[in-house]
């Protein structure tokens, strides 16, 4: 298993590689969950105009239409997202 296939979660948040553990308030005896990602999946980060970031898990074969549908299902009230 490669590092790219590992996904770490703590308190419902995806842990980003370059952030310090203290930012997530991980302490002694905290439980961090590791998931193994499918190599055909990608994570698309959607940032809304309000500054909210939404992480979408997609298959590399998904279409733009699928991306729009997935984003709409997660958050239908944000109308003008941009990607970064």
N, C-alpha and C. Protein backbone atom coordinates (compact mmCIF):
# COMPACT_ATOMS: atom_id res chain seq x y z
N UNK A 1 0.85 -1.17 0.00
CA UNK A 1 0.00 0.00 0.00
C UNK A 1 0.90 1.24 0.00
N UNK A 2 0.64 2.15 -0.92
CA UNK A 2 1.44 3.37 -1.01
C UNK A 2 0.82 4.46 -0.15
N UNK A 3 1.59 5.51 0.11
CA UNK A 3 1.08 6.64 0.89
C UNK A 3 -0.10 7.30 0.18
N UNK A 4 -0.09 7.30 -1.14
CA UNK A 4 -1.18 7.92 -1.89
C UNK A 4 -2.50 7.18 -1.73
N UNK A 5 -2.43 5.92 -1.34
CA UNK A 5 -3.65 5.13 -1.14
C UNK A 5 -4.19 5.27 0.28
N UNK A 6 -3.41 5.85 1.18
CA UNK A 6 -3.83 6.00 2.57
C UNK A 6 -4.59 7.30 2.75
N UNK A 7 -5.71 7.22 3.42
CA UNK A 7 -6.53 8.39 3.74
C UNK A 7 -6.75 8.37 5.24
N UNK A 8 -6.33 9.43 5.94
CA UNK A 8 -6.49 9.50 7.38
C UNK A 8 -7.62 10.46 7.74
N UNK A 9 -8.45 10.04 8.70
CA UNK A 9 -9.59 10.84 9.14
C UNK A 9 -9.56 10.96 10.66
N UNK A 10 -9.96 12.14 11.14
CA UNK A 10 -10.07 12.36 12.58
C UNK A 10 -11.27 13.25 12.83
N UNK A 11 -12.18 12.80 13.67
CA UNK A 11 -13.41 13.55 13.98
C UNK A 11 -14.14 13.99 12.72
N UNK A 12 -14.20 13.10 11.73
CA UNK A 12 -14.94 13.38 10.52
C UNK A 12 -14.23 14.27 9.52
N UNK A 13 -12.99 14.63 9.80
CA UNK A 13 -12.22 15.50 8.89
C UNK A 13 -11.10 14.71 8.24
N UNK A 14 -10.90 14.95 6.97
CA UNK A 14 -9.78 14.35 6.24
C UNK A 14 -8.51 15.10 6.64
N UNK A 15 -7.48 14.36 7.04
CA UNK A 15 -6.22 14.98 7.45
C UNK A 15 -5.37 15.25 6.22
N UNK A 16 -4.87 16.48 6.14
CA UNK A 16 -4.03 16.88 5.01
C UNK A 16 -2.57 16.65 5.37
N UNK A 17 -1.80 16.17 4.40
CA UNK A 17 -0.43 15.73 4.64
C UNK A 17 0.47 16.78 5.28
N UNK A 18 0.36 18.02 4.90
CA UNK A 18 1.32 19.04 5.34
C UNK A 18 0.88 19.84 6.55
N UNK A 19 -0.19 19.45 7.18
CA UNK A 19 -0.68 20.18 8.35
C UNK A 19 -0.19 19.51 9.63
N UNK A 20 0.10 20.30 10.68
CA UNK A 20 0.54 19.71 11.95
C UNK A 20 -0.62 19.02 12.66
N UNK A 21 -0.31 17.98 13.41
CA UNK A 21 -1.33 17.25 14.16
C UNK A 21 -2.06 18.16 15.14
N UNK A 22 -1.35 19.15 15.68
CA UNK A 22 -1.96 20.06 16.65
C UNK A 22 -3.12 20.85 16.04
N UNK A 23 -3.07 21.09 14.74
CA UNK A 23 -4.16 21.82 14.08
C UNK A 23 -5.47 21.05 14.14
N UNK A 24 -5.37 19.74 14.19
CA UNK A 24 -6.55 18.89 14.27
C UNK A 24 -6.91 18.53 15.71
N UNK A 25 -6.12 19.02 16.65
CA UNK A 25 -6.29 18.74 18.08
C UNK A 25 -6.19 17.25 18.38
N UNK A 26 -5.25 16.60 17.69
CA UNK A 26 -4.98 15.19 17.96
C UNK A 26 -4.07 15.12 19.18
N UNK A 27 -4.49 14.35 20.16
CA UNK A 27 -3.76 14.23 21.42
C UNK A 27 -3.46 12.77 21.70
N UNK A 28 -2.75 12.55 22.80
CA UNK A 28 -2.47 11.18 23.22
C UNK A 28 -3.79 10.44 23.40
N UNK A 29 -3.86 9.23 22.91
CA UNK A 29 -5.03 8.34 22.98
C UNK A 29 -6.15 8.74 22.01
N UNK A 30 -5.93 9.73 21.14
CA UNK A 30 -6.90 10.03 20.09
C UNK A 30 -6.92 8.88 19.09
N UNK A 31 -8.06 8.69 18.45
CA UNK A 31 -8.18 7.63 17.44
C UNK A 31 -8.23 8.27 16.06
N UNK A 32 -7.27 7.89 15.23
CA UNK A 32 -7.21 8.34 13.84
C UNK A 32 -7.58 7.14 12.98
N UNK A 33 -8.51 7.33 12.06
CA UNK A 33 -8.97 6.24 11.20
C UNK A 33 -8.22 6.29 9.87
N UNK A 34 -7.76 5.13 9.41
CA UNK A 34 -7.10 5.05 8.12
C UNK A 34 -7.99 4.25 7.17
N UNK A 35 -8.19 4.82 6.00
CA UNK A 35 -8.93 4.13 4.94
C UNK A 35 -7.97 3.93 3.78
N UNK A 36 -8.19 2.89 3.03
CA UNK A 36 -7.37 2.62 1.86
C UNK A 36 -8.17 3.04 0.64
N UNK A 37 -7.59 3.94 -0.14
CA UNK A 37 -8.27 4.49 -1.31
C UNK A 37 -8.09 3.57 -2.51
N UNK A 38 -9.12 3.51 -3.31
CA UNK A 38 -9.06 2.81 -4.59
C UNK A 38 -8.19 3.66 -5.52
N UNK A 39 -7.20 3.07 -6.20
CA UNK A 39 -6.34 3.88 -7.08
C UNK A 39 -7.08 4.51 -8.25
N UNK A 40 -8.30 4.06 -8.54
CA UNK A 40 -9.09 4.67 -9.61
C UNK A 40 -9.93 5.84 -9.12
N UNK A 41 -9.86 6.12 -7.83
CA UNK A 41 -10.62 7.24 -7.28
C UNK A 41 -9.73 8.46 -7.14
N UNK A 42 -10.34 9.60 -7.27
CA UNK A 42 -9.64 10.87 -7.05
C UNK A 42 -10.50 11.71 -6.12
N UNK A 43 -9.87 12.66 -5.47
CA UNK A 43 -10.59 13.60 -4.62
C UNK A 43 -10.54 14.95 -5.32
N UNK A 44 -11.70 15.53 -5.54
CA UNK A 44 -11.82 16.86 -6.13
C UNK A 44 -12.22 17.81 -5.01
N UNK A 45 -11.46 18.89 -4.84
CA UNK A 45 -11.77 19.88 -3.83
C UNK A 45 -12.59 20.99 -4.48
N UNK A 46 -13.78 21.23 -3.96
CA UNK A 46 -14.65 22.30 -4.46
C UNK A 46 -14.67 23.38 -3.41
N UNK A 47 -14.36 24.60 -3.82
CA UNK A 47 -14.40 25.72 -2.89
C UNK A 47 -15.51 26.66 -3.34
N UNK A 48 -16.45 26.94 -2.44
CA UNK A 48 -17.59 27.79 -2.78
C UNK A 48 -17.20 29.26 -2.61
N UNK A 49 -18.04 30.13 -3.09
CA UNK A 49 -17.79 31.56 -2.94
C UNK A 49 -17.82 32.00 -1.49
N UNK A 50 -18.45 31.22 -0.63
CA UNK A 50 -18.48 31.56 0.80
C UNK A 50 -17.23 31.06 1.51
N UNK A 51 -16.33 30.39 0.78
CA UNK A 51 -15.09 29.90 1.36
C UNK A 51 -15.16 28.48 1.89
N UNK A 52 -16.32 27.87 1.82
CA UNK A 52 -16.47 26.48 2.28
C UNK A 52 -15.79 25.54 1.30
N UNK A 53 -15.03 24.57 1.82
CA UNK A 53 -14.38 23.58 0.97
C UNK A 53 -15.10 22.25 1.13
N UNK A 54 -15.42 21.64 0.01
CA UNK A 54 -16.10 20.35 0.00
C UNK A 54 -15.22 19.37 -0.77
N UNK A 55 -14.94 18.23 -0.17
CA UNK A 55 -14.13 17.19 -0.81
C UNK A 55 -15.07 16.16 -1.42
N UNK A 56 -14.91 15.93 -2.71
CA UNK A 56 -15.74 14.96 -3.41
C UNK A 56 -14.88 13.79 -3.87
N UNK A 57 -15.30 12.58 -3.56
CA UNK A 57 -14.61 11.38 -4.02
C UNK A 57 -15.23 10.94 -5.33
N UNK A 58 -14.41 10.88 -6.38
CA UNK A 58 -14.91 10.53 -7.71
C UNK A 58 -14.04 9.44 -8.32
N UNK A 59 -14.59 8.77 -9.30
CA UNK A 59 -13.84 7.79 -10.08
C UNK A 59 -13.18 8.53 -11.24
N UNK A 60 -11.99 8.08 -11.65
CA UNK A 60 -11.30 8.78 -12.74
C UNK A 60 -12.07 8.71 -14.06
N UNK A 61 -13.00 7.80 -14.17
CA UNK A 61 -13.81 7.67 -15.39
C UNK A 61 -15.10 8.48 -15.32
N UNK A 62 -15.37 9.13 -14.19
CA UNK A 62 -16.58 9.94 -14.07
C UNK A 62 -16.57 11.08 -15.08
N UNK A 63 -17.74 11.53 -15.43
CA UNK A 63 -17.88 12.65 -16.35
C UNK A 63 -18.10 13.94 -15.56
N UNK A 64 -18.02 15.06 -16.26
CA UNK A 64 -18.31 16.35 -15.63
C UNK A 64 -19.74 16.35 -15.11
N UNK A 65 -20.64 15.72 -15.85
CA UNK A 65 -22.03 15.62 -15.40
C UNK A 65 -22.11 14.91 -14.05
N UNK A 66 -21.35 13.82 -13.88
CA UNK A 66 -21.32 13.12 -12.59
C UNK A 66 -20.78 14.02 -11.49
N UNK A 67 -19.74 14.80 -11.80
CA UNK A 67 -19.19 15.74 -10.83
C UNK A 67 -20.26 16.74 -10.40
N UNK A 68 -20.99 17.30 -11.36
CA UNK A 68 -22.05 18.25 -11.03
C UNK A 68 -23.13 17.60 -10.18
N UNK A 69 -23.50 16.37 -10.53
CA UNK A 69 -24.53 15.65 -9.78
C UNK A 69 -24.06 15.39 -8.35
N UNK A 70 -22.82 14.94 -8.20
CA UNK A 70 -22.28 14.66 -6.87
C UNK A 70 -22.23 15.93 -6.04
N UNK A 71 -21.76 17.02 -6.63
CA UNK A 71 -21.70 18.28 -5.91
C UNK A 71 -23.10 18.75 -5.53
N UNK A 72 -24.05 18.62 -6.44
CA UNK A 72 -25.42 19.02 -6.15
C UNK A 72 -26.04 18.22 -5.03
N UNK A 73 -25.72 16.93 -4.96
CA UNK A 73 -26.26 16.08 -3.90
C UNK A 73 -25.67 16.44 -2.54
N UNK A 74 -24.41 16.89 -2.54
CA UNK A 74 -23.76 17.26 -1.28
C UNK A 74 -24.25 18.61 -0.80
N UNK A 75 -24.38 19.55 -1.72
CA UNK A 75 -24.72 20.90 -1.31
C UNK A 75 -25.47 21.63 -2.41
N UNK A 76 -26.78 21.49 -2.43
CA UNK A 76 -27.56 22.07 -3.53
C UNK A 76 -27.78 23.57 -3.37
N UNK A 77 -27.50 24.16 -2.22
CA UNK A 77 -27.79 25.59 -2.05
C UNK A 77 -26.61 26.49 -2.40
N UNK A 78 -25.43 25.95 -2.70
CA UNK A 78 -24.31 26.77 -3.19
C UNK A 78 -24.37 26.77 -4.70
N UNK A 79 -24.51 27.91 -5.28
CA UNK A 79 -24.75 27.98 -6.72
C UNK A 79 -23.52 28.33 -7.55
N UNK A 80 -22.49 28.95 -6.99
CA UNK A 80 -21.37 29.41 -7.80
C UNK A 80 -20.04 28.92 -7.27
N UNK A 81 -19.77 27.63 -7.34
CA UNK A 81 -18.47 27.14 -6.86
C UNK A 81 -17.38 27.44 -7.88
N UNK A 82 -16.16 27.49 -7.42
CA UNK A 82 -15.02 27.50 -8.33
C UNK A 82 -14.04 26.46 -7.84
N UNK A 83 -13.22 25.98 -8.74
CA UNK A 83 -12.30 24.90 -8.40
C UNK A 83 -10.90 25.46 -8.25
N UNK A 84 -10.14 24.87 -7.34
CA UNK A 84 -8.74 25.27 -7.18
C UNK A 84 -7.86 24.07 -7.14
